[in-house]
Amino acid sequence: MTGEPENRICPTCGGRLHLGVATIPFVLSEENVIVIKGVPAETCGDCHEPFMSSKVTDEVMALVSQLKRLGSEISVVSFRDYAMI
């Protein structure tokens, strides 16, 4: 047992998903970019697309909302430093 999801398939390309972390960029406008590092996700071994659980997605979206209010041009944060999970 490796802790990997059994036979989880990428809905984008059909590759195999692997548990891990991802860096997720959000380009909100030409003047506002947010990058969240260390987000828990299943990532495709072929196309490298990350997929987050609904709970993680909720946390990421709450974090994005907070960072948008700061009004900075570029924000780079670590998920584990801000997540409530």
N, C-alpha and C. Protein backbone atom coordinates (compact mmCIF):
# COMPACT_ATOMS: atom_id res chain seq x y z
N MET A 1 0.84 -1.17 0.00
CA MET A 1 0.00 0.00 0.00
C MET A 1 0.89 1.24 0.00
N THR A 2 0.68 2.12 -0.98
CA THR A 2 1.53 3.29 -1.14
C THR A 2 0.84 4.59 -0.75
N GLY A 3 -0.43 4.54 -0.42
CA GLY A 3 -1.16 5.77 -0.13
C GLY A 3 -1.70 6.42 -1.39
N GLU A 4 -1.46 5.82 -2.54
CA GLU A 4 -1.95 6.35 -3.80
C GLU A 4 -3.41 5.96 -3.99
N PRO A 5 -4.20 6.83 -4.64
CA PRO A 5 -5.58 6.44 -4.96
C PRO A 5 -5.55 5.30 -5.95
N GLU A 6 -6.42 4.33 -5.75
CA GLU A 6 -6.42 3.16 -6.63
C GLU A 6 -7.03 3.50 -7.98
N ASN A 7 -6.23 3.35 -9.02
CA ASN A 7 -6.69 3.48 -10.39
C ASN A 7 -7.46 4.77 -10.66
N ARG A 8 -7.07 5.86 -10.01
CA ARG A 8 -7.71 7.14 -10.29
C ARG A 8 -7.18 7.64 -11.63
N ILE A 9 -8.11 8.00 -12.51
CA ILE A 9 -7.77 8.38 -13.87
C ILE A 9 -8.04 9.87 -14.07
N CYS A 10 -7.13 10.54 -14.77
CA CYS A 10 -7.26 11.96 -15.07
C CYS A 10 -8.43 12.17 -16.04
N PRO A 11 -9.36 13.05 -15.67
CA PRO A 11 -10.48 13.31 -16.57
C PRO A 11 -10.08 14.13 -17.80
N THR A 12 -8.89 14.73 -17.77
CA THR A 12 -8.44 15.54 -18.89
C THR A 12 -7.80 14.68 -19.99
N CYS A 13 -6.87 13.78 -19.58
CA CYS A 13 -6.11 13.03 -20.60
C CYS A 13 -6.17 11.52 -20.43
N GLY A 14 -6.69 11.04 -19.30
CA GLY A 14 -6.75 9.61 -19.07
C GLY A 14 -5.54 9.03 -18.37
N GLY A 15 -4.56 9.88 -18.00
CA GLY A 15 -3.38 9.42 -17.28
C GLY A 15 -3.72 9.05 -15.84
N ARG A 16 -2.73 8.55 -15.11
CA ARG A 16 -2.94 8.13 -13.73
C ARG A 16 -2.69 9.29 -12.78
N LEU A 17 -3.57 9.44 -11.78
CA LEU A 17 -3.43 10.49 -10.78
C LEU A 17 -2.59 10.01 -9.62
N HIS A 18 -1.77 10.92 -9.07
CA HIS A 18 -0.89 10.63 -7.94
C HIS A 18 -1.12 11.66 -6.85
N LEU A 19 -1.15 11.21 -5.59
CA LEU A 19 -1.29 12.14 -4.47
C LEU A 19 -0.03 12.98 -4.33
N GLY A 20 -0.21 14.22 -3.96
CA GLY A 20 0.93 15.09 -3.74
C GLY A 20 0.49 16.51 -3.48
N VAL A 21 1.33 17.45 -3.87
CA VAL A 21 1.01 18.87 -3.73
C VAL A 21 1.26 19.54 -5.08
N ALA A 22 0.61 20.68 -5.26
CA ALA A 22 0.74 21.41 -6.52
C ALA A 22 0.88 22.90 -6.24
N THR A 23 1.40 23.61 -7.21
CA THR A 23 1.44 25.06 -7.19
C THR A 23 0.35 25.53 -8.14
N ILE A 24 -0.59 26.32 -7.61
CA ILE A 24 -1.75 26.74 -8.38
C ILE A 24 -1.68 28.24 -8.64
N PRO A 25 -1.58 28.66 -9.92
CA PRO A 25 -1.58 30.09 -10.24
C PRO A 25 -2.99 30.59 -10.56
N PHE A 26 -3.26 31.82 -10.17
CA PHE A 26 -4.52 32.49 -10.51
C PHE A 26 -4.17 33.82 -11.14
N VAL A 27 -4.50 34.00 -12.41
CA VAL A 27 -4.32 35.28 -13.08
C VAL A 27 -5.68 35.94 -13.07
N LEU A 28 -5.87 36.88 -12.14
CA LEU A 28 -7.17 37.50 -11.95
C LEU A 28 -7.40 38.66 -12.90
N SER A 29 -6.33 39.34 -13.28
CA SER A 29 -6.37 40.43 -14.25
C SER A 29 -4.93 40.69 -14.69
N GLU A 30 -4.76 41.65 -15.56
CA GLU A 30 -3.41 41.99 -15.98
C GLU A 30 -2.58 42.52 -14.82
N GLU A 31 -3.26 43.03 -13.79
CA GLU A 31 -2.56 43.64 -12.65
C GLU A 31 -2.57 42.79 -11.40
N ASN A 32 -3.17 41.60 -11.43
CA ASN A 32 -3.32 40.84 -10.19
C ASN A 32 -3.10 39.35 -10.44
N VAL A 33 -1.99 38.83 -9.87
CA VAL A 33 -1.64 37.42 -10.00
C VAL A 33 -1.43 36.85 -8.60
N ILE A 34 -2.02 35.68 -8.35
CA ILE A 34 -1.86 34.99 -7.07
C ILE A 34 -1.32 33.60 -7.36
N VAL A 35 -0.30 33.20 -6.60
CA VAL A 35 0.26 31.85 -6.71
C VAL A 35 0.20 31.22 -5.33
N ILE A 36 -0.42 30.05 -5.25
CA ILE A 36 -0.51 29.32 -3.98
C ILE A 36 0.30 28.04 -4.12
N LYS A 37 1.33 27.91 -3.29
CA LYS A 37 2.23 26.76 -3.34
C LYS A 37 1.81 25.72 -2.30
N GLY A 38 2.15 24.47 -2.57
CA GLY A 38 1.93 23.39 -1.61
C GLY A 38 0.48 23.02 -1.40
N VAL A 39 -0.34 23.13 -2.42
CA VAL A 39 -1.76 22.79 -2.32
C VAL A 39 -1.92 21.27 -2.44
N PRO A 40 -2.57 20.62 -1.45
CA PRO A 40 -2.81 19.17 -1.56
C PRO A 40 -3.67 18.88 -2.79
N ALA A 41 -3.19 17.97 -3.63
CA ALA A 41 -3.91 17.68 -4.87
C ALA A 41 -3.52 16.30 -5.38
N GLU A 42 -4.35 15.80 -6.27
CA GLU A 42 -4.00 14.63 -7.08
C GLU A 42 -3.53 15.21 -8.41
N THR A 43 -2.34 14.83 -8.84
CA THR A 43 -1.77 15.38 -10.06
C THR A 43 -1.58 14.27 -11.08
N CYS A 44 -1.92 14.57 -12.33
CA CYS A 44 -1.79 13.58 -13.40
C CYS A 44 -0.32 13.38 -13.73
N GLY A 45 0.09 12.13 -13.83
CA GLY A 45 1.46 11.81 -14.19
C GLY A 45 1.80 12.10 -15.64
N ASP A 46 0.77 12.26 -16.48
CA ASP A 46 1.00 12.52 -17.91
C ASP A 46 0.90 14.02 -18.25
N CYS A 47 -0.24 14.64 -17.96
CA CYS A 47 -0.44 16.04 -18.35
C CYS A 47 -0.14 17.02 -17.21
N HIS A 48 0.08 16.49 -16.00
CA HIS A 48 0.46 17.28 -14.82
C HIS A 48 -0.64 18.22 -14.33
N GLU A 49 -1.87 18.00 -14.75
CA GLU A 49 -3.00 18.80 -14.29
C GLU A 49 -3.31 18.43 -12.84
N PRO A 50 -3.42 19.42 -11.94
CA PRO A 50 -3.76 19.12 -10.54
C PRO A 50 -5.27 19.12 -10.34
N PHE A 51 -5.73 18.25 -9.45
CA PHE A 51 -7.14 18.18 -9.08
C PHE A 51 -7.24 18.21 -7.57
N MET A 52 -8.03 19.17 -7.04
CA MET A 52 -8.17 19.35 -5.61
C MET A 52 -9.51 18.78 -5.14
N SER A 53 -9.55 18.34 -3.88
CA SER A 53 -10.82 17.92 -3.29
C SER A 53 -11.70 19.16 -3.10
N SER A 54 -12.97 18.95 -2.87
CA SER A 54 -13.88 20.08 -2.68
C SER A 54 -13.51 20.89 -1.43
N LYS A 55 -13.06 20.21 -0.38
CA LYS A 55 -12.67 20.91 0.85
C LYS A 55 -11.45 21.80 0.60
N VAL A 56 -10.46 21.28 -0.11
CA VAL A 56 -9.27 22.06 -0.44
C VAL A 56 -9.65 23.22 -1.36
N THR A 57 -10.53 22.97 -2.33
CA THR A 57 -10.99 24.02 -3.23
C THR A 57 -11.64 25.16 -2.46
N ASP A 58 -12.47 24.83 -1.48
CA ASP A 58 -13.11 25.85 -0.65
C ASP A 58 -12.06 26.69 0.08
N GLU A 59 -11.05 26.04 0.62
CA GLU A 59 -9.98 26.75 1.33
C GLU A 59 -9.19 27.64 0.37
N VAL A 60 -8.88 27.12 -0.80
CA VAL A 60 -8.13 27.90 -1.79
C VAL A 60 -8.93 29.13 -2.21
N MET A 61 -10.21 28.96 -2.46
CA MET A 61 -11.04 30.10 -2.90
C MET A 61 -11.18 31.14 -1.79
N ALA A 62 -11.26 30.72 -0.54
CA ALA A 62 -11.31 31.66 0.58
C ALA A 62 -9.99 32.44 0.66
N LEU A 63 -8.89 31.75 0.45
CA LEU A 63 -7.58 32.39 0.47
C LEU A 63 -7.44 33.38 -0.68
N VAL A 64 -7.90 33.01 -1.86
CA VAL A 64 -7.86 33.91 -3.02
C VAL A 64 -8.68 35.17 -2.72
N SER A 65 -9.83 35.01 -2.13
CA SER A 65 -10.67 36.17 -1.79
C SER A 65 -9.95 37.11 -0.83
N GLN A 66 -9.28 36.55 0.17
CA GLN A 66 -8.53 37.37 1.13
C GLN A 66 -7.39 38.10 0.42
N LEU A 67 -6.68 37.41 -0.43
CA LEU A 67 -5.54 38.02 -1.12
C LEU A 67 -5.97 39.09 -2.12
N LYS A 68 -7.12 38.91 -2.75
CA LYS A 68 -7.64 39.92 -3.67
C LYS A 68 -7.86 41.24 -2.95
N ARG A 69 -8.35 41.16 -1.72
CA ARG A 69 -8.63 42.37 -0.93
C ARG A 69 -7.36 43.15 -0.60
N LEU A 70 -6.21 42.48 -0.59
CA LEU A 70 -4.95 43.18 -0.32
C LEU A 70 -4.59 44.17 -1.42
N GLY A 71 -4.99 43.86 -2.63
CA GLY A 71 -4.74 44.75 -3.76
C GLY A 71 -3.31 44.73 -4.28
N SER A 72 -2.50 43.76 -3.87
CA SER A 72 -1.13 43.70 -4.38
C SER A 72 -1.13 43.14 -5.80
N GLU A 73 -0.11 43.50 -6.57
CA GLU A 73 -0.02 43.02 -7.94
C GLU A 73 0.25 41.53 -8.00
N ILE A 74 1.20 41.07 -7.18
CA ILE A 74 1.58 39.66 -7.17
C ILE A 74 1.63 39.17 -5.74
N SER A 75 0.94 38.06 -5.48
CA SER A 75 0.98 37.42 -4.16
C SER A 75 1.42 35.98 -4.34
N VAL A 76 2.42 35.56 -3.57
CA VAL A 76 2.87 34.16 -3.58
C VAL A 76 2.81 33.69 -2.13
N VAL A 77 1.97 32.68 -1.86
CA VAL A 77 1.80 32.20 -0.49
C VAL A 77 1.86 30.68 -0.45
N SER A 78 2.08 30.17 0.74
CA SER A 78 2.08 28.73 0.97
C SER A 78 0.73 28.32 1.54
N PHE A 79 0.11 27.32 0.96
CA PHE A 79 -1.20 26.86 1.40
C PHE A 79 -1.21 26.48 2.87
N ARG A 80 -0.21 25.77 3.34
CA ARG A 80 -0.19 25.29 4.72
C ARG A 80 -0.12 26.42 5.73
N ASP A 81 0.41 27.58 5.33
CA ASP A 81 0.50 28.71 6.25
C ASP A 81 -0.85 29.41 6.46
N TYR A 82 -1.80 29.22 5.53
CA TYR A 82 -3.06 29.94 5.60
C TYR A 82 -4.30 29.06 5.67
N ALA A 83 -4.19 27.79 5.33
CA ALA A 83 -5.35 26.91 5.25
C ALA A 83 -5.90 26.59 6.63
N MET A 84 -7.18 26.36 6.68
CA MET A 84 -7.87 26.00 7.92
C MET A 84 -8.02 24.50 8.07
N ILE A 85 -7.57 23.74 7.07
CA ILE A 85 -7.73 22.28 7.09
C ILE A 85 -6.83 21.67 8.12
